[in-house]
Amino acid sequence: MANTHNVTEFVFLGLSTNPEVQRVCFVIFLFLYIATVLGNCLIVLTVMTSRSLASPMYFFLSYLSFVEICHSSTTAPKLISDLLAERKAIYLWGCITQVFFIHFFGGTEIFLLTVMAYDRYVAICKPLNYTTIMNQQVCAVLVGIAWVGGFVHSFAQVLLIFHLPFCGPNVIDHFFCDLLPLLKLACSDTFLIGLLMVANGGTLSVISFVVVLASYVVILLHLRIRSSEGRRKALSTCGSHISVVILFFGPLIFIYMRPSTTLSVDKMVAVFYTVITPLLNPVIYSLRNAEVKKAMKRLWSKTMKEEER
């Protein structure tokens, strides 16, 4: 690869070239990243230590929170450090590695959200068979499929750009390495590769989003025969997941359904799904879910009692 590339590193333009704006952004994004890690770690710890959260839904939620930490950590630390750096550079291999992990964890999250929608479908539409269908072995297999699916998706994306020639310039108008900005820098025709990337990334997002929406349409139709209390409880558990799905899939579809095309708003959209969405997920699941809030309070009380001893 190195023999066919004159470029050995890339330089990011970042979010702004204004030093004052960069300093303000540094404080803001550092706070958001710390809150993201702590919030998602809290959900993972709460699910692991609470017996009341032993259902498959919370099992998947804990993995989703872990993936959110990993996904945010592929871009946020570099973004934060670059805000105080005069030269925002990354080596070629580091750039390719960042692309891989962004799409690995992003793809895994797509599959996990789809699995969580299936879990809600089984729980609401087939409650008598729920524990049989969604047993521990099945849940473990579904999580494993999500990880494997994310890896295959990411490997295919990286394979498409692996042999692209980068002859210069090496300035990326972004704050992290991603497919579309890299395609703009390649010194060869990338139209076909752009279409293949859309087929892999954009189509995956759209199909998964449609599957999730279809599952909730079936759930809503099924809820018509439930009592008002049953509908309220089911909608409260589904509402959190629907909110997260829309927040995550919306920006992805906007970015990755455009072959070889970048827009001025892409960086702001990227900030949303790499920094803001991972922070909102624990907030949404904790505020909208009574069981999670109770479990967090018990965990907090238990921690305080142990410290008093």
Protein backbone atom coordinates (compact mmCIF):
# COMPACT_ATOMS: atom_id res chain seq x y z
CA MET A 1 0.00 0.00 0.00
CA ALA A 2 2.77 2.44 0.93
CA ASN A 3 4.49 1.87 -2.39
CA THR A 4 1.49 3.13 -4.34
CA HIS A 5 0.79 6.16 -2.11
CA ASN A 6 2.78 9.38 -2.06
CA VAL A 7 0.69 10.66 0.86
CA THR A 8 1.86 9.35 4.24
CA GLU A 9 -0.37 11.49 6.43
CA PHE A 10 -3.54 13.57 6.27
CA VAL A 11 -4.27 16.95 7.83
CA PHE A 12 -7.72 17.76 9.24
CA LEU A 13 -9.26 21.20 8.86
CA GLY A 14 -11.37 20.44 11.94
CA LEU A 15 -14.54 22.20 13.00
CA SER A 16 -13.10 25.73 12.98
CA THR A 17 -9.88 27.63 12.34
CA ASN A 18 -10.73 30.32 14.91
CA PRO A 19 -8.55 29.77 18.05
CA GLU A 20 -11.20 31.16 20.41
CA VAL A 21 -13.90 28.95 18.92
CA GLN A 22 -11.56 25.96 19.19
CA ARG A 23 -10.95 26.59 22.89
CA VAL A 24 -14.67 26.84 23.56
CA CYS A 25 -15.29 23.67 21.56
CA PHE A 26 -12.53 21.91 23.52
CA VAL A 27 -14.34 22.52 26.81
CA ILE A 28 -17.73 21.58 25.38
CA PHE A 29 -16.63 18.37 23.66
CA LEU A 30 -14.46 17.27 26.57
CA PHE A 31 -17.49 17.61 28.86
CA LEU A 32 -19.74 15.78 26.37
CA TYR A 33 -17.27 12.92 25.94
CA ILE A 34 -16.77 12.44 29.68
CA ALA A 35 -20.54 12.51 30.19
CA THR A 36 -20.97 9.97 27.37
CA VAL A 37 -18.48 7.54 28.88
CA LEU A 38 -19.78 7.93 32.43
CA GLY A 39 -23.46 7.73 31.41
CA ASN A 40 -23.05 4.61 29.31
CA CYS A 41 -20.76 3.00 31.90
CA LEU A 42 -23.48 3.65 34.48
CA ILE A 43 -26.03 1.79 32.36
CA VAL A 44 -23.65 -1.16 31.83
CA LEU A 45 -22.87 -1.32 35.56
CA THR A 46 -26.54 -0.97 36.51
CA VAL A 47 -27.63 -3.82 34.23
CA MET A 48 -24.77 -6.06 35.38
CA THR A 49 -25.50 -5.57 39.09
CA SER A 50 -29.31 -5.40 39.12
CA ARG A 51 -31.39 -8.58 39.28
CA SER A 52 -34.48 -6.67 38.18
CA LEU A 53 -32.81 -5.92 34.84
CA ALA A 54 -32.08 -9.52 33.90
CA SER A 55 -34.39 -9.57 30.87
CA PRO A 56 -33.05 -9.74 27.28
CA MET A 57 -34.03 -6.11 26.65
CA TYR A 58 -31.56 -4.86 29.25
CA PHE A 59 -28.96 -7.43 28.19
CA PHE A 60 -29.01 -5.85 24.73
CA LEU A 61 -29.10 -2.35 26.24
CA SER A 62 -25.87 -2.99 28.16
CA TYR A 63 -24.14 -4.07 24.96
CA LEU A 64 -25.54 -1.06 23.13
CA SER A 65 -24.11 1.25 25.79
CA PHE A 66 -20.72 -0.47 25.55
CA VAL A 67 -20.73 -0.05 21.76
CA GLU A 68 -21.68 3.62 22.19
CA ILE A 69 -18.59 4.16 24.35
CA CYS A 70 -16.39 2.48 21.75
CA HIS A 71 -18.00 4.29 18.83
CA SER A 72 -17.61 7.70 20.43
CA SER A 73 -14.03 6.90 21.47
CA THR A 74 -12.95 6.36 17.86
CA THR A 75 -13.46 10.05 17.05
CA ALA A 76 -13.99 12.17 20.18
CA PRO A 77 -10.49 11.92 21.78
CA LYS A 78 -8.78 12.86 18.50
CA LEU A 79 -11.28 15.70 17.95
CA ILE A 80 -10.70 17.04 21.48
CA SER A 81 -6.90 16.88 21.29
CA ASP A 82 -6.86 18.47 17.82
CA LEU A 83 -8.83 21.47 19.10
CA LEU A 84 -5.70 22.54 21.02
CA ALA A 85 -3.20 21.45 18.35
CA GLU A 86 -1.72 23.78 15.77
CA ARG A 87 -1.43 20.97 13.22
CA LYS A 88 -4.19 18.36 13.11
CA ALA A 89 -2.48 15.44 11.40
CA ILE A 90 -2.97 11.68 11.26
CA TYR A 91 -0.84 9.04 9.58
CA LEU A 92 -2.25 7.15 6.60
CA TRP A 93 -2.45 3.86 8.48
CA GLY A 94 -4.00 5.62 11.47
CA CYS A 95 -6.60 7.09 9.14
CA ILE A 96 -7.46 3.69 7.66
CA THR A 97 -7.64 2.22 11.18
CA GLN A 98 -10.00 4.97 12.30
CA VAL A 99 -12.27 4.33 9.30
CA PHE A 100 -12.36 0.62 10.19
CA PHE A 101 -13.34 1.11 13.83
CA ILE A 102 -15.88 3.84 13.07
CA HIS A 103 -17.72 1.52 10.72
CA PHE A 104 -17.12 -1.56 12.88
CA PHE A 105 -18.81 -0.07 15.94
CA GLY A 106 -21.35 1.82 13.82
CA GLY A 107 -22.30 -1.34 11.95
CA THR A 108 -22.51 -3.30 15.20
CA GLU A 109 -24.85 -0.67 16.62
CA ILE A 110 -27.07 -0.90 13.54
CA PHE A 111 -27.44 -4.65 14.01
CA LEU A 112 -27.95 -4.29 17.77
CA LEU A 113 -30.77 -1.79 17.31
CA THR A 114 -32.39 -4.19 14.83
CA VAL A 115 -32.05 -7.04 17.32
CA MET A 116 -33.58 -4.89 20.04
CA ALA A 117 -36.57 -4.17 17.80
CA TYR A 118 -37.01 -7.93 17.26
CA ASP A 119 -36.83 -8.43 21.03
CA ARG A 120 -39.64 -5.92 21.57
CA TYR A 121 -41.70 -7.58 18.84
CA VAL A 122 -41.41 -11.00 20.51
CA ALA A 123 -42.05 -9.57 24.00
CA ILE A 124 -45.25 -7.75 22.98
CA CYS A 125 -46.65 -9.91 20.19
CA LYS A 126 -45.68 -13.33 21.59
CA PRO A 127 -45.50 -12.82 25.36
CA LEU A 128 -46.27 -16.44 26.28
CA ASN A 129 -43.33 -17.71 24.25
CA TYR A 130 -40.98 -14.82 25.03
CA THR A 131 -38.74 -16.58 27.56
CA THR A 132 -38.52 -19.62 25.31
CA ILE A 133 -37.69 -17.71 22.13
CA MET A 134 -35.37 -15.15 23.72
CA ASN A 135 -33.39 -17.47 25.99
CA GLN A 136 -29.81 -16.79 27.03
CA GLN A 137 -28.30 -18.81 24.18
CA VAL A 138 -30.37 -16.98 21.56
CA CYS A 139 -29.50 -13.59 23.05
CA ALA A 140 -25.79 -14.44 23.05
CA VAL A 141 -26.00 -15.61 19.42
CA LEU A 142 -27.83 -12.43 18.36
CA VAL A 143 -25.18 -10.25 20.01
CA GLY A 144 -22.47 -12.32 18.35
CA ILE A 145 -24.18 -11.86 14.97
CA ALA A 146 -24.25 -8.10 15.58
CA TRP A 147 -20.50 -8.03 16.23
CA VAL A 148 -19.74 -10.22 13.22
CA GLY A 149 -22.08 -8.17 11.03
CA GLY A 150 -20.32 -4.96 12.11
CA PHE A 151 -16.94 -6.48 11.32
CA VAL A 152 -17.98 -7.70 7.86
CA HIS A 153 -19.55 -4.34 7.05
CA SER A 154 -16.46 -2.42 8.15
CA PHE A 155 -14.00 -4.79 6.47
CA ALA A 156 -15.87 -4.40 3.18
CA GLN A 157 -15.79 -0.60 3.45
CA VAL A 158 -12.08 -0.46 4.24
CA LEU A 159 -11.33 -2.93 1.44
CA LEU A 160 -12.86 -0.50 -1.05
CA ILE A 161 -10.50 2.34 -0.09
CA PHE A 162 -7.46 0.22 0.78
CA HIS A 163 -5.89 0.36 -2.69
CA LEU A 164 -6.99 3.87 -3.63
CA PRO A 165 -4.03 6.04 -4.72
CA PHE A 166 -3.55 9.21 -2.66
CA CYS A 167 -1.13 11.46 -4.52
CA GLY A 168 -2.05 14.77 -2.91
CA PRO A 169 -3.44 17.09 -1.66
CA ASN A 170 -3.71 15.58 1.82
CA VAL A 171 -6.06 18.05 3.56
CA ILE A 172 -9.35 16.55 4.80
CA ASP A 173 -12.19 18.99 5.35
CA HIS A 174 -13.43 17.06 8.38
CA PHE A 175 -12.47 16.26 11.97
CA PHE A 176 -11.97 12.51 11.45
CA CYS A 177 -11.23 10.08 8.64
CA ASP A 178 -14.32 8.88 6.84
CA LEU A 179 -15.10 7.37 3.47
CA LEU A 180 -16.52 10.30 1.52
CA PRO A 181 -13.80 12.84 2.46
CA LEU A 182 -11.15 10.25 1.53
CA LEU A 183 -12.79 9.59 -1.83
CA LYS A 184 -12.44 13.30 -2.65
CA LEU A 185 -8.66 13.07 -2.13
CA ALA A 186 -8.08 9.93 -4.20
CA CYS A 187 -6.33 10.61 -7.53
CA SER A 188 -8.44 8.14 -9.53
CA ASP A 189 -12.04 7.70 -10.63
CA THR A 190 -14.03 6.81 -7.50
CA PHE A 191 -17.57 6.81 -8.91
CA LEU A 192 -17.95 3.02 -8.85
CA ILE A 193 -16.36 2.76 -5.43
CA GLY A 194 -18.74 5.43 -4.19
CA LEU A 195 -21.71 3.41 -5.43
CA LEU A 196 -20.36 0.27 -3.73
CA MET A 197 -19.96 2.18 -0.47
CA VAL A 198 -23.56 3.35 -0.69
CA ALA A 199 -24.64 -0.22 -1.43
CA ASN A 200 -22.82 -1.40 1.69
CA GLY A 201 -23.30 1.45 4.17
CA GLY A 202 -26.32 3.40 3.02
CA THR A 203 -28.38 0.39 1.99
CA LEU A 204 -27.57 -1.38 5.27
CA SER A 205 -28.81 1.64 7.21
CA VAL A 206 -31.99 2.00 5.16
CA ILE A 207 -32.88 -1.71 5.23
CA SER A 208 -32.26 -1.95 8.98
CA PHE A 209 -34.28 1.21 9.57
CA VAL A 210 -37.19 -0.14 7.51
CA VAL A 211 -37.07 -3.48 9.37
CA VAL A 212 -37.17 -1.66 12.71
CA LEU A 213 -40.07 0.55 11.61
CA ALA A 214 -41.95 -2.46 10.23
CA SER A 215 -41.55 -4.30 13.54
CA TYR A 216 -43.04 -1.34 15.40
CA VAL A 217 -45.92 -1.06 12.95
CA VAL A 218 -46.75 -4.70 13.74
CA ILE A 219 -46.40 -3.95 17.46
CA LEU A 220 -48.75 -0.96 17.25
CA LEU A 221 -51.32 -3.01 15.37
CA HIS A 222 -51.05 -5.74 17.99
CA LEU A 223 -51.48 -3.24 20.85
CA ARG A 224 -55.01 -2.40 19.67
CA ILE A 225 -56.27 -5.55 21.38
CA ARG A 226 -54.47 -4.78 24.65
CA SER A 227 -55.88 -2.95 27.65
CA SER A 228 -55.03 0.72 28.10
CA GLU A 229 -52.59 -0.15 30.88
CA GLY A 230 -50.92 -2.78 28.70
CA ARG A 231 -50.61 -0.31 25.82
CA ARG A 232 -49.12 2.33 28.10
CA LYS A 233 -46.49 -0.02 29.51
CA ALA A 234 -45.57 -1.43 26.09
CA LEU A 235 -45.32 2.02 24.50
CA SER A 236 -43.13 3.31 27.32
CA THR A 237 -40.57 0.55 26.75
CA CYS A 238 -40.73 0.94 22.97
CA GLY A 239 -40.64 4.73 23.01
CA SER A 240 -37.04 4.87 24.21
CA HIS A 241 -35.88 2.49 21.50
CA ILE A 242 -37.75 4.34 18.75
CA SER A 243 -36.20 7.64 19.86
CA VAL A 244 -32.68 6.16 19.76
CA VAL A 245 -33.33 4.55 16.37
CA ILE A 246 -34.44 7.84 14.81
CA LEU A 247 -31.53 9.78 16.33
CA PHE A 248 -29.01 7.22 15.08
CA PHE A 249 -30.35 6.20 11.67
CA GLY A 250 -31.40 9.68 10.51
CA PRO A 251 -27.88 11.16 10.28
CA LEU A 252 -26.41 7.91 8.91
CA ILE A 253 -28.89 7.74 6.05
CA PHE A 254 -28.32 11.43 5.31
CA ILE A 255 -24.53 10.94 5.10
CA TYR A 256 -24.14 7.52 3.49
CA MET A 257 -26.92 7.52 0.89
CA ARG A 258 -25.06 10.09 -1.23
CA PRO A 259 -22.41 8.51 -3.48
CA SER A 260 -19.15 10.51 -3.60
CA THR A 261 -20.90 13.71 -2.51
CA THR A 262 -20.06 15.89 0.49
CA LEU A 263 -22.01 18.87 1.82
CA SER A 264 -21.04 21.73 4.10
CA VAL A 265 -23.36 20.44 6.84
CA ASP A 266 -21.76 16.99 6.91
CA LYS A 267 -19.40 17.90 9.75
CA MET A 268 -22.26 19.09 11.94
CA VAL A 269 -24.25 15.96 11.17
CA ALA A 270 -21.17 13.87 11.98
CA VAL A 271 -20.83 15.65 15.34
CA PHE A 272 -24.41 14.67 16.06
CA TYR A 273 -24.05 10.92 15.46
CA THR A 274 -20.50 10.56 16.85
CA VAL A 275 -20.77 12.79 19.94
CA ILE A 276 -24.36 13.83 20.70
CA THR A 277 -26.25 10.59 20.03
CA PRO A 278 -24.00 8.41 22.25
CA LEU A 279 -24.63 10.91 25.06
CA LEU A 280 -28.41 11.02 24.53
CA ASN A 281 -28.87 7.25 24.60
CA PRO A 282 -28.27 6.77 28.36
CA VAL A 283 -30.33 9.89 29.06
CA ILE A 284 -33.26 8.59 27.00
CA TYR A 285 -33.18 5.08 28.45
CA SER A 286 -32.81 6.24 32.05
CA LEU A 287 -35.40 9.02 31.96
CA ARG A 288 -38.06 7.11 30.04
CA ASN A 289 -37.65 3.75 31.78
CA ALA A 290 -38.92 3.41 35.35
CA GLU A 291 -37.13 0.10 35.97
CA VAL A 292 -33.75 1.55 34.95
CA LYS A 293 -34.28 4.58 37.18
CA LYS A 294 -35.19 2.38 40.16
CA ALA A 295 -32.18 0.15 39.56
CA MET A 296 -29.88 3.20 39.36
CA LYS A 297 -31.29 4.53 42.65
CA ARG A 298 -30.70 1.15 44.32
CA LEU A 299 -27.16 1.05 42.98
CA TRP A 300 -26.53 4.58 44.23
CA SER A 301 -27.97 3.78 47.68
CA LYS A 302 -25.90 0.62 47.90
CA THR A 303 -22.74 2.52 46.93
CA MET A 304 -23.40 5.24 49.52
CA LYS A 305 -23.97 2.67 52.28
CA GLU A 306 -20.72 0.89 51.44
CA GLU A 307 -18.82 4.20 51.55
CA GLU A 308 -20.30 5.04 54.97
CA ARG A 309 -18.98 1.76 56.32
